[in-house]
Amino acid sequence: MSQSANTGSVQPVDDECMPPSIRSQRSISIRVQTTLNGICLLLLFLLIAVDYQQETGRRLTSAQIGLQEEAAILEVGVRQLRNLGTDALQRLLDQVCLRMEETHSAGHHLVLRIGDLALQAQSTGLNAADMLNAIDSADSTGEYIIPAGDHRLIIGVSKRGDVSVYICEIIDDLHDEIVGDSLRRLGGTVTLGLIATLILNVTLLRIVARPLERLVGQVDEISAGQFGQEINGFRSRELSHLSHAINEMSRSLAESDRQRQAQLAKARRIQQHLQPSDPVFGNARFAVCYEPAEEVAGDLYDVLSLPDGSSLAVLADATGHGIPAAMTATLLKALLAEACERFCDLLEIVSHVNGRFTELTLPGDFASAILIRLPPDKSTIQVINAGHDAALFSSRDGALRECQSSGLLLGITDESRWSVEEVAIGTGDRLLMFTDGVTETFDVSRRMFGRDRVQKILETSMALPPEQILATIASSLVSFRGDAPQADDVTMILIEF
């Protein structure tokens, strides 16, 4: 049905309404947020790694330059004291090394080479052999960061003539300082990164995700039949254009639905106009219950007069329901009216209608029908059942019998043949006819109402008037169906002779 314009927020339909193949997919907002946050995390880790590498290189270079300068100063002192002997040089190394340990950081070591003489500071506790091997390795490779036992050393060197001064520092503690400084900077970087990521996520939600959810909600409303829904208020050109296109589609669907509803309403009025307003079947009491599943029905009932004064009652059911079935039923009604003007014999009527019906309808369009002829003497009725549900004949003494099918459906072939069943009638006898929309009514568990329930209601309601019996059956159908939809047209006729 058509809905008025609405510029408010439209909520998406529950995910349970989606097909499994769509429900298993992640939303665009989650996919974009996952990608964005992943990129931010990756960039953060890269930034930390690059910062650590650069800081390490800077600190090591600065430390090596400082050691180079200290080695150059010490080399001048060594030259001034070399003539005082080895003991004086050893005391100089120990004192300088001790002063470095006190004023700088632990882990310094000094090595002095004068020609073939090699002296080391004695206060560090480092293995002398390891230190000399490390220094020799540094001299041969030109590296200023070398391993020495369980430690790594950075070396500053000053060489002049036959005097070489090596000042070493253990860099394990230096690395610990760099890591500590990096972690402190990391705290600030992570905080800024989290703030930036939060801003990006909120911006993404406001600019993309939430508007898309509103648009998806609007499309879900339209797909559910809520035509005419409109949604506006987007700030981006693309989403505004998309919402405009969806609004145009919604308005077009609403107008199409309005026209369709108007046409269906007129079709229903036409079909109701074609039904007998006050059917008279001889002197019998004629009661009808007619409930289409949609606006128009494929069920047909009529009462016609034959040229010999007989009365003809017809109940037919075209295959399917809705507009196609209603058109078939209307054609069948016209053919019956035309045949009843020409023939009195029941077999001639059915044969003529079937031939024209087979000729005019599409392949696969069939109709079941039951025709009851009441002759002028009103002592018997003639019954032809063309593939219809068996009618129930209840005599006044309570006996129940079925008027079974006596031939094929109408429209299968123009060579079909039927037999006529004659039933003697008396005052108080009743004949119940119904379409398969009665017996094939289903509840929410897909259980079928069935013929047994119809027969039971008829047997237990013999004292009621025909109209009330049909009302009882109709009420039982509604109760049995519960929340399940009415899937087919329901038509019942009860004739009391």
Protein backbone atom coordinates (compact mmCIF):
# COMPACT_ATOMS: atom_id res chain seq x y z
CA MET A 1 0.00 0.00 0.00
CA SER A 2 1.11 3.58 -0.52
CA GLN A 3 2.89 5.33 2.35
CA SER A 4 3.28 9.05 3.00
CA ALA A 5 6.71 10.65 2.62
CA ASN A 6 8.99 10.31 5.58
CA THR A 7 12.27 12.10 6.01
CA GLY A 8 13.11 10.54 9.35
CA SER A 9 15.44 7.71 10.11
CA VAL A 10 14.51 4.38 8.54
CA GLN A 11 15.61 1.32 10.46
CA PRO A 12 16.93 -1.69 8.54
CA VAL A 13 14.90 -4.88 8.55
CA ASP A 14 16.02 -7.55 11.00
CA ASP A 15 19.03 -9.58 9.78
CA GLU A 16 16.95 -12.72 10.16
CA CYS A 17 14.93 -11.58 7.15
CA MET A 18 18.02 -11.63 4.95
CA PRO A 19 19.05 -14.63 2.86
CA PRO A 20 21.87 -16.68 4.53
CA SER A 21 24.28 -15.76 1.72
CA ILE A 22 23.85 -12.04 2.56
CA ARG A 23 23.56 -12.46 6.34
CA SER A 24 26.98 -14.18 6.43
CA GLN A 25 28.69 -11.18 4.83
CA ARG A 26 30.20 -8.36 6.88
CA SER A 27 28.73 -4.89 6.57
CA ILE A 28 30.61 -2.21 4.63
CA SER A 29 31.16 -0.20 7.83
CA ILE A 30 32.82 -3.18 9.56
CA ARG A 31 34.94 -3.93 6.49
CA VAL A 32 36.08 -0.31 6.12
CA GLN A 33 36.70 0.08 9.85
CA THR A 34 38.65 -3.19 9.99
CA THR A 35 40.78 -2.12 7.03
CA LEU A 36 41.31 1.41 8.36
CA ASN A 37 42.19 0.29 11.87
CA GLY A 38 44.50 -2.40 10.49
CA ILE A 39 46.34 0.17 8.37
CA CYS A 40 46.62 2.51 11.37
CA LEU A 41 48.05 -0.29 13.53
CA LEU A 42 50.51 -1.27 10.83
CA LEU A 43 51.65 2.32 10.39
CA LEU A 44 52.01 2.66 14.17
CA PHE A 45 54.23 -0.42 14.39
CA LEU A 46 56.31 0.77 11.43
CA LEU A 47 56.67 4.18 13.07
CA ILE A 48 57.83 2.57 16.32
CA ALA A 49 60.31 0.32 14.49
CA VAL A 50 61.74 3.20 12.43
CA ASP A 51 61.93 5.44 15.51
CA TYR A 52 63.75 2.73 17.45
CA GLN A 53 66.24 2.14 14.65
CA GLN A 54 66.92 5.84 14.16
CA GLU A 55 67.26 6.50 17.90
CA THR A 56 69.59 3.52 18.30
CA GLY A 57 71.79 4.69 15.43
CA ARG A 58 71.86 8.26 16.74
CA ARG A 59 72.72 7.24 20.29
CA LEU A 60 75.43 4.78 19.21
CA THR A 61 76.97 7.32 16.84
CA SER A 62 76.91 9.97 19.56
CA ALA A 63 78.47 7.51 22.05
CA GLN A 64 81.18 6.49 19.58
CA ILE A 65 82.05 10.13 18.84
CA GLY A 66 82.28 10.84 22.55
CA LEU A 67 84.58 7.85 23.06
CA GLN A 68 86.71 8.99 20.13
CA GLU A 69 87.14 12.41 21.75
CA GLU A 70 87.96 10.86 25.13
CA ALA A 71 90.46 8.53 23.48
CA ALA A 72 92.14 11.50 21.75
CA ILE A 73 92.45 13.38 25.07
CA LEU A 74 93.81 10.30 26.84
CA GLU A 75 96.29 9.72 24.01
CA VAL A 76 97.81 13.18 24.69
CA GLY A 77 98.21 12.28 28.39
CA VAL A 78 99.80 8.95 27.52
CA ARG A 79 102.44 10.63 25.38
CA GLN A 80 103.32 12.97 28.23
CA LEU A 81 103.68 10.11 30.74
CA ARG A 82 105.21 7.38 28.54
CA ASN A 83 108.71 8.24 29.72
CA LEU A 84 107.71 7.67 33.39
CA GLY A 85 107.38 3.97 32.80
CA THR A 86 104.76 1.28 32.61
CA ASP A 87 103.54 1.67 36.19
CA ALA A 88 102.70 5.33 35.66
CA LEU A 89 100.77 4.50 32.49
CA GLN A 90 98.87 1.70 34.27
CA ARG A 91 97.87 4.04 37.10
CA LEU A 92 96.69 6.56 34.51
CA LEU A 93 94.48 3.97 32.79
CA ASP A 94 93.00 2.77 36.11
CA GLN A 95 92.31 6.28 37.38
CA VAL A 96 90.71 7.45 34.14
CA CYS A 97 88.62 4.28 33.90
CA LEU A 98 87.49 4.64 37.53
CA ARG A 99 86.56 8.29 36.94
CA MET A 100 84.51 7.28 33.86
CA GLU A 101 82.71 4.63 35.88
CA GLU A 102 81.81 7.24 38.48
CA THR A 103 80.82 10.14 36.22
CA HIS A 104 79.40 8.38 33.18
CA SER A 105 78.11 4.83 33.38
CA ALA A 106 79.37 1.42 34.36
CA GLY A 107 80.96 -0.74 31.71
CA HIS A 108 83.95 1.34 30.51
CA HIS A 109 87.30 -0.22 29.68
CA LEU A 110 90.59 1.27 28.47
CA VAL A 111 93.34 -0.40 26.45
CA LEU A 112 96.69 1.15 25.59
CA ARG A 113 99.15 -0.08 22.98
CA ILE A 114 102.64 1.36 22.67
CA GLY A 115 104.50 -0.64 20.12
CA ASP A 116 104.32 -4.24 21.33
CA LEU A 117 103.27 -3.22 24.83
CA ALA A 118 99.53 -3.66 25.68
CA LEU A 119 98.07 -2.30 28.93
CA GLN A 120 94.43 -2.53 30.18
CA ALA A 121 92.55 -0.91 33.00
CA GLN A 122 92.36 -3.30 35.94
CA SER A 123 89.23 -1.97 37.67
CA THR A 124 86.51 -3.18 35.24
CA GLY A 125 86.62 -6.89 35.91
CA LEU A 126 86.33 -7.65 32.19
CA ASN A 127 88.30 -10.55 30.80
CA ALA A 128 91.58 -9.16 29.48
CA ALA A 129 91.96 -11.78 26.77
CA ASP A 130 88.42 -11.17 25.48
CA MET A 131 89.05 -7.43 25.37
CA LEU A 132 92.28 -7.76 23.39
CA ASN A 133 90.69 -10.17 20.95
CA ALA A 134 87.75 -7.80 20.50
CA ILE A 135 90.07 -4.83 19.90
CA ASP A 136 92.17 -6.79 17.42
CA SER A 137 88.95 -7.75 15.59
CA ALA A 138 87.85 -4.10 15.51
CA ASP A 139 91.26 -3.05 14.11
CA SER A 140 91.02 -5.65 11.34
CA THR A 141 87.34 -5.01 10.34
CA GLY A 142 86.99 -1.32 11.06
CA GLU A 143 83.78 -1.97 13.05
CA TYR A 144 83.21 0.12 16.13
CA ILE A 145 80.60 -2.20 17.69
CA ILE A 146 82.04 -5.60 18.58
CA PRO A 147 81.20 -8.60 20.78
CA ALA A 148 83.30 -9.34 23.85
CA GLY A 149 82.33 -12.44 25.80
CA ASP A 150 78.73 -12.01 26.98
CA HIS A 151 78.68 -8.31 26.10
CA ARG A 152 78.71 -6.00 23.11
CA LEU A 153 81.12 -3.07 23.12
CA ILE A 154 81.34 0.23 21.32
CA ILE A 155 84.91 1.42 20.78
CA GLY A 156 86.50 4.82 20.39
CA VAL A 157 90.05 4.81 19.01
CA SER A 158 92.84 7.38 18.85
CA LYS A 159 96.09 6.44 17.06
CA ARG A 160 99.17 8.53 16.64
CA GLY A 161 102.51 7.06 15.81
CA ASP A 162 103.14 3.92 17.83
CA VAL A 163 100.57 4.93 20.47
CA SER A 164 97.02 3.59 20.20
CA VAL A 165 94.35 4.30 22.82
CA TYR A 166 91.08 2.29 22.89
CA ILE A 167 88.16 3.31 25.08
CA CYS A 168 85.33 0.74 25.20
CA GLU A 169 81.86 0.96 26.67
CA ILE A 170 79.39 -1.86 27.20
CA ILE A 171 76.27 -0.93 25.20
CA ASP A 172 73.85 -3.36 26.86
CA ASP A 173 72.76 -0.65 29.27
CA LEU A 174 72.63 1.85 26.41
CA HIS A 175 70.14 -0.37 24.58
CA ASP A 176 68.06 -0.59 27.75
CA GLU A 177 68.00 3.21 27.91
CA ILE A 178 66.98 3.43 24.24
CA VAL A 179 64.16 0.92 24.79
CA GLY A 180 62.97 2.87 27.82
CA ASP A 181 63.01 6.15 25.92
CA SER A 182 61.22 4.50 22.97
CA LEU A 183 58.54 3.10 25.25
CA ARG A 184 57.97 6.52 26.78
CA ARG A 185 57.64 8.05 23.34
CA LEU A 186 55.46 5.10 22.36
CA GLY A 187 52.96 6.00 25.08
CA GLY A 188 52.46 9.43 23.58
CA THR A 189 52.43 8.08 20.03
CA VAL A 190 49.85 5.40 20.89
CA THR A 191 47.67 7.97 22.64
CA LEU A 192 47.78 10.26 19.63
CA GLY A 193 47.22 7.28 17.34
CA LEU A 194 44.19 6.12 19.32
CA ILE A 195 42.74 9.63 19.28
CA ALA A 196 43.31 9.90 15.52
CA THR A 197 41.82 6.43 14.92
CA LEU A 198 38.81 7.27 17.08
CA ILE A 199 38.26 10.47 15.13
CA LEU A 200 38.56 8.59 11.83
CA ASN A 201 36.12 5.89 12.97
CA VAL A 202 33.58 8.41 14.22
CA THR A 203 33.94 10.39 11.00
CA LEU A 204 33.53 7.21 8.95
CA LEU A 205 30.40 6.26 10.88
CA ARG A 206 28.85 9.69 10.51
CA ILE A 207 29.77 10.28 6.87
CA VAL A 208 29.50 6.78 5.35
CA ALA A 209 28.25 3.96 7.60
CA ARG A 210 25.19 5.57 9.22
CA PRO A 211 23.92 7.16 5.97
CA LEU A 212 24.34 3.82 4.18
CA GLU A 213 22.42 2.07 6.97
CA ARG A 214 19.59 4.59 6.52
CA LEU A 215 19.54 3.96 2.77
CA VAL A 216 19.59 0.17 3.28
CA GLY A 217 16.75 0.55 5.78
CA GLN A 218 14.73 2.53 3.25
CA VAL A 219 15.30 -0.11 0.56
CA ASP A 220 14.25 -2.82 3.03
CA GLU A 221 11.05 -0.89 3.78
CA ILE A 222 10.30 -0.58 0.07
CA SER A 223 11.06 -4.26 -0.57
CA ALA A 224 8.60 -5.08 2.24
CA GLY A 225 5.89 -3.20 0.35
CA GLN A 226 6.07 0.14 2.20
CA PHE A 227 6.02 2.13 -1.02
CA GLY A 228 6.21 5.92 -0.90
CA GLN A 229 8.89 6.01 1.82
CA GLU A 230 11.37 8.85 1.28
CA ILE A 231 14.61 9.70 3.00
CA ASN A 232 16.70 12.88 2.74
CA GLY A 233 19.23 14.90 4.68
CA PHE A 234 22.52 13.56 3.25
CA ARG A 235 25.46 15.94 2.94
CA SER A 236 27.51 14.16 0.30
CA ARG A 237 26.69 14.48 -3.39
CA GLU A 238 26.88 10.73 -4.05
CA LEU A 239 24.58 9.71 -1.18
CA SER A 240 22.18 12.57 -1.95
CA HIS A 241 22.03 11.42 -5.56
CA LEU A 242 21.47 7.80 -4.47
CA SER A 243 18.74 8.79 -2.00
CA HIS A 244 17.08 10.91 -4.70
CA ALA A 245 17.06 7.92 -7.07
CA ILE A 246 15.63 5.65 -4.35
CA ASN A 247 12.98 8.26 -3.48
CA GLU A 248 11.99 8.48 -7.14
CA MET A 249 11.75 4.69 -7.28
CA SER A 250 9.70 4.65 -4.07
CA ARG A 251 7.27 7.29 -5.41
CA SER A 252 6.98 5.45 -8.73
CA LEU A 253 6.27 2.16 -6.95
CA ALA A 254 3.71 3.88 -4.72
CA GLU A 255 1.92 5.30 -7.74
CA SER A 256 2.05 1.95 -9.54
CA ASP A 257 0.75 0.23 -6.42
CA ARG A 258 -2.04 2.80 -6.10
CA GLN A 259 -3.09 2.20 -9.69
CA ARG A 260 -2.84 -1.56 -9.22
CA GLN A 261 -4.98 -1.41 -6.09
CA ALA A 262 -7.54 0.74 -7.91
CA GLN A 263 -7.63 -1.71 -10.81
CA LEU A 264 -7.94 -4.67 -8.44
CA ALA A 265 -10.74 -2.94 -6.56
CA LYS A 266 -12.60 -2.35 -9.83
CA ALA A 267 -11.94 -5.96 -10.89
CA ARG A 268 -13.39 -7.13 -7.58
CA ARG A 269 -16.49 -4.95 -8.05
CA ILE A 270 -16.92 -6.37 -11.55
CA GLN A 271 -16.55 -9.93 -10.25
CA GLN A 272 -18.99 -9.30 -7.42
CA HIS A 273 -21.41 -7.78 -9.93
CA LEU A 274 -21.21 -10.98 -11.99
CA GLN A 275 -22.21 -13.11 -9.02
CA PRO A 276 -25.92 -13.81 -8.44
CA SER A 277 -27.17 -11.28 -5.91
CA ASP A 278 -30.14 -13.34 -4.74
CA PRO A 279 -29.79 -16.85 -6.15
CA VAL A 280 -33.01 -18.85 -6.50
CA PHE A 281 -32.67 -22.59 -6.99
CA GLY A 282 -36.20 -23.87 -7.45
CA ASN A 283 -37.88 -23.80 -4.08
CA ALA A 284 -34.68 -24.93 -2.28
CA ARG A 285 -32.89 -22.84 0.34
CA PHE A 286 -29.56 -21.64 -1.12
CA ALA A 287 -26.70 -20.48 1.20
CA VAL A 288 -23.24 -19.32 0.06
CA CYS A 289 -19.91 -18.53 1.74
CA TYR A 290 -17.45 -16.81 -0.62
CA GLU A 291 -14.01 -15.67 0.66
CA PRO A 292 -11.32 -14.88 -1.97
CA ALA A 293 -7.69 -15.29 -0.95
CA GLU A 294 -6.85 -12.07 -2.82
CA GLU A 295 -8.76 -9.11 -4.21
CA VAL A 296 -10.27 -11.30 -6.94
CA ALA A 297 -10.89 -15.03 -6.97
CA GLY A 298 -10.70 -18.02 -9.26
CA ASP A 299 -13.75 -19.60 -7.64
CA LEU A 300 -17.08 -19.29 -9.44
CA TYR A 301 -20.63 -20.02 -8.35
CA ASP A 302 -23.83 -19.30 -10.21
CA VAL A 303 -27.52 -20.26 -10.46
CA LEU A 304 -28.99 -20.35 -13.97
CA SER A 305 -32.37 -21.16 -15.52
CA LEU A 306 -32.61 -23.62 -18.42
CA PRO A 307 -35.09 -23.36 -21.31
CA ASP A 308 -37.19 -26.25 -19.98
CA GLY A 309 -37.72 -24.56 -16.60
CA SER A 310 -34.98 -26.50 -14.80
CA SER A 311 -32.56 -24.75 -12.44
CA LEU A 312 -28.78 -25.22 -12.68
CA ALA A 313 -26.39 -24.60 -9.78
CA VAL A 314 -22.66 -24.42 -10.62
CA LEU A 315 -19.58 -24.36 -8.43
CA ALA A 316 -16.22 -24.14 -10.28
CA ASP A 317 -12.61 -23.58 -9.33
CA ALA A 318 -10.08 -22.34 -11.89
CA THR A 319 -6.48 -23.38 -11.37
CA GLY A 320 -4.46 -20.90 -9.28
CA HIS A 321 -5.87 -17.76 -7.73
CA GLY A 322 -5.64 -14.02 -8.20
CA ILE A 323 -6.12 -12.17 -11.50
CA PRO A 324 -5.31 -15.01 -13.96
CA ALA A 325 -7.69 -17.39 -12.18
CA ALA A 326 -10.36 -14.66 -12.00
CA MET A 327 -10.13 -14.09 -15.76
CA THR A 328 -10.49 -17.84 -16.35
CA ALA A 329 -13.49 -17.97 -14.01
CA THR A 330 -15.12 -15.02 -15.81
CA LEU A 331 -14.67 -16.75 -19.17
CA LEU A 332 -16.17 -19.93 -17.73
CA LYS A 333 -19.19 -17.99 -16.41
CA ALA A 334 -19.81 -16.49 -19.85
CA LEU A 335 -19.57 -19.91 -21.50
CA LEU A 336 -21.99 -21.41 -18.97
CA ALA A 337 -24.50 -18.59 -19.52
CA GLU A 338 -24.28 -19.06 -23.29
CA ALA A 339 -24.69 -22.88 -23.01
CA CYS A 340 -27.67 -22.61 -20.66
CA GLU A 341 -29.50 -20.50 -23.24
CA ARG A 342 -29.09 -23.25 -25.84
CA PHE A 343 -29.27 -26.56 -24.02
CA CYS A 344 -31.34 -28.29 -21.34
CA ASP A 345 -29.45 -31.57 -21.16
CA LEU A 346 -26.68 -31.53 -18.52
CA LEU A 347 -24.21 -33.54 -20.63
CA GLU A 348 -24.73 -31.23 -23.61
CA ILE A 349 -24.11 -28.19 -21.41
CA VAL A 350 -20.87 -29.56 -19.96
CA SER A 351 -19.59 -30.83 -23.32
CA HIS A 352 -20.28 -27.51 -25.03
CA VAL A 353 -18.64 -25.49 -22.24
CA ASN A 354 -15.61 -27.78 -22.17
CA GLY A 355 -15.10 -27.58 -25.93
CA ARG A 356 -15.19 -23.77 -25.99
CA PHE A 357 -13.16 -23.53 -22.77
CA THR A 358 -10.43 -25.82 -24.16
CA GLU A 359 -10.32 -23.76 -27.34
CA LEU A 360 -10.12 -20.33 -25.69
CA THR A 361 -7.85 -20.92 -22.71
CA LEU A 362 -4.07 -21.26 -22.61
CA PRO A 363 -2.51 -24.73 -22.30
CA GLY A 364 -2.37 -25.62 -18.62
CA ASP A 365 -5.43 -23.57 -17.69
CA PHE A 366 -8.01 -25.93 -16.22
CA ALA A 367 -11.06 -25.72 -14.02
CA SER A 368 -12.86 -28.19 -11.82
CA ALA A 369 -16.64 -27.88 -11.66
CA ILE A 370 -19.70 -29.50 -10.17
CA LEU A 371 -23.08 -28.89 -11.83
CA ILE A 372 -26.45 -29.64 -10.18
CA ARG A 373 -29.61 -29.70 -12.34
CA LEU A 374 -32.94 -29.51 -10.57
CA PRO A 375 -35.71 -30.59 -13.00
CA PRO A 376 -39.18 -29.02 -12.83
CA ASP A 377 -40.61 -32.05 -10.99
CA LYS A 378 -38.06 -31.46 -8.16
CA SER A 379 -38.01 -35.12 -7.15
CA THR A 380 -34.44 -35.82 -8.23
CA ILE A 381 -31.29 -33.89 -9.01
CA GLN A 382 -28.73 -34.64 -11.72
CA VAL A 383 -25.04 -34.22 -10.80
CA ILE A 384 -21.95 -33.97 -12.99
CA ASN A 385 -18.62 -33.67 -11.18
CA ALA A 386 -15.79 -32.58 -13.50
CA GLY A 387 -12.74 -33.30 -11.38
CA HIS A 388 -14.10 -31.35 -8.39
CA ASP A 389 -14.05 -32.25 -4.68
CA ALA A 390 -16.89 -34.70 -4.01
CA ALA A 391 -20.07 -33.00 -2.83
CA LEU A 392 -21.63 -34.25 0.42
CA PHE A 393 -25.32 -35.25 0.25
CA SER A 394 -26.99 -35.51 3.66
CA SER A 395 -30.50 -37.01 3.77
CA ARG A 396 -33.01 -35.91 6.35
CA ASP A 397 -32.53 -39.22 8.23
CA GLY A 398 -28.84 -38.39 8.79
CA ALA A 399 -27.29 -40.66 6.13
CA LEU A 400 -24.28 -39.12 4.34
CA ARG A 401 -23.05 -39.94 0.84
CA GLU A 402 -20.53 -38.46 -1.61
CA CYS A 403 -21.10 -37.35 -5.18
CA GLN A 404 -17.75 -38.39 -6.63
CA SER A 405 -16.03 -37.12 -9.75
CA SER A 406 -17.60 -38.43 -12.96
CA GLY A 407 -15.02 -37.16 -15.46
CA LEU A 408 -11.94 -35.05 -16.15
CA LEU A 409 -11.32 -31.38 -15.38
CA LEU A 410 -12.61 -28.82 -17.86
CA GLY A 411 -10.01 -27.65 -20.38
CA ILE A 412 -7.89 -30.79 -20.62
CA THR A 413 -9.28 -32.03 -23.97
CA ASP A 414 -12.38 -31.31 -25.99
CA GLU A 415 -13.01 -35.05 -26.24
CA SER A 416 -13.62 -35.51 -22.51
CA ARG A 417 -16.74 -37.42 -21.46
CA TRP A 418 -18.72 -37.40 -18.21
CA SER A 419 -21.48 -39.46 -16.61
CA VAL A 420 -24.57 -38.09 -14.91
CA GLU A 421 -25.46 -39.18 -11.38
CA GLU A 422 -29.12 -38.94 -10.36
CA VAL A 423 -29.97 -38.50 -6.70
CA ALA A 424 -33.51 -38.70 -5.30
CA ILE A 425 -34.29 -35.82 -2.98
CA GLY A 426 -36.84 -35.14 -0.31
CA THR A 427 -37.78 -32.33 1.99
CA GLY A 428 -34.98 -31.60 4.45
CA ASP A 429 -32.18 -33.20 2.40
CA ARG A 430 -29.03 -31.12 2.05
CA LEU A 431 -26.19 -30.92 -0.46
CA LEU A 432 -22.85 -29.32 0.52
CA MET A 433 -20.40 -28.29 -2.21
CA PHE A 434 -17.04 -26.64 -1.57
CA THR A 435 -13.76 -25.82 -3.33
CA ASP A 436 -10.38 -27.23 -2.34
CA GLY A 437 -9.58 -24.01 -0.50
CA VAL A 438 -11.67 -25.50 2.33
CA THR A 439 -10.08 -28.94 2.65
CA GLU A 440 -6.59 -27.66 1.80
CA THR A 441 -6.47 -24.96 4.46
CA PHE A 442 -3.19 -25.33 6.40
CA ASP A 443 -2.17 -24.27 9.88
CA VAL A 444 1.27 -22.93 10.84
CA SER A 445 2.55 -26.53 11.22
CA ARG A 446 1.43 -27.35 7.66
CA ARG A 447 -1.35 -29.66 8.84
CA MET A 448 -4.33 -29.78 6.46
CA PHE A 449 -7.93 -29.17 7.51
CA GLY A 450 -9.17 -32.10 5.39
CA ARG A 451 -12.57 -33.56 4.46
CA ASP A 452 -13.04 -35.38 7.76
CA ARG A 453 -13.42 -32.12 9.67
CA VAL A 454 -15.93 -30.83 7.11
CA GLN A 455 -18.01 -34.01 7.39
CA LYS A 456 -17.91 -33.93 11.18
CA ILE A 457 -19.15 -30.32 11.31
CA LEU A 458 -21.93 -31.16 8.84
CA GLU A 459 -23.02 -34.23 10.82
CA THR A 460 -23.05 -32.40 14.16
CA SER A 461 -24.84 -29.31 12.81
CA MET A 462 -27.86 -30.89 11.11
CA ALA A 463 -30.25 -28.95 13.34
CA LEU A 464 -28.78 -25.59 12.29
CA PRO A 465 -29.98 -23.58 9.28
CA PRO A 466 -27.72 -23.70 6.16
CA GLU A 467 -26.30 -20.20 6.66
CA GLN A 468 -25.23 -21.03 10.21
CA ILE A 469 -23.62 -24.31 9.15
CA LEU A 470 -21.47 -22.47 6.60
CA ALA A 471 -20.59 -19.84 9.21
CA THR A 472 -19.50 -22.64 11.58
CA ILE A 473 -17.24 -24.18 8.93
CA ALA A 474 -15.79 -20.75 8.04
CA SER A 475 -15.09 -20.00 11.71
CA SER A 476 -13.43 -23.40 12.13
CA LEU A 477 -11.19 -22.65 9.14
CA VAL A 478 -10.07 -19.34 10.65
CA SER A 479 -9.33 -20.96 14.03
CA PHE A 480 -7.49 -23.85 12.41
CA ARG A 481 -5.43 -21.55 10.19
CA GLY A 482 -4.29 -19.38 13.10
CA ASP A 483 -1.46 -17.07 12.01
CA ALA A 484 -0.98 -18.89 8.71
CA PRO A 485 -2.16 -16.92 5.64
CA GLN A 486 -5.18 -17.89 3.56
CA ALA A 487 -3.52 -19.58 0.62
CA ASP A 488 -6.53 -20.25 -1.62
CA ASP A 489 -10.04 -19.05 -2.33
CA VAL A 490 -12.75 -20.51 -0.10
CA THR A 491 -16.24 -21.04 -1.51
CA MET A 492 -19.01 -23.19 -0.03
CA ILE A 493 -22.62 -23.77 -1.14
CA LEU A 494 -25.22 -25.52 1.00
CA ILE A 495 -28.59 -26.32 -0.63
CA GLU A 496 -31.50 -27.46 1.55
CA PHE A 497 -34.32 -29.04 -0.47
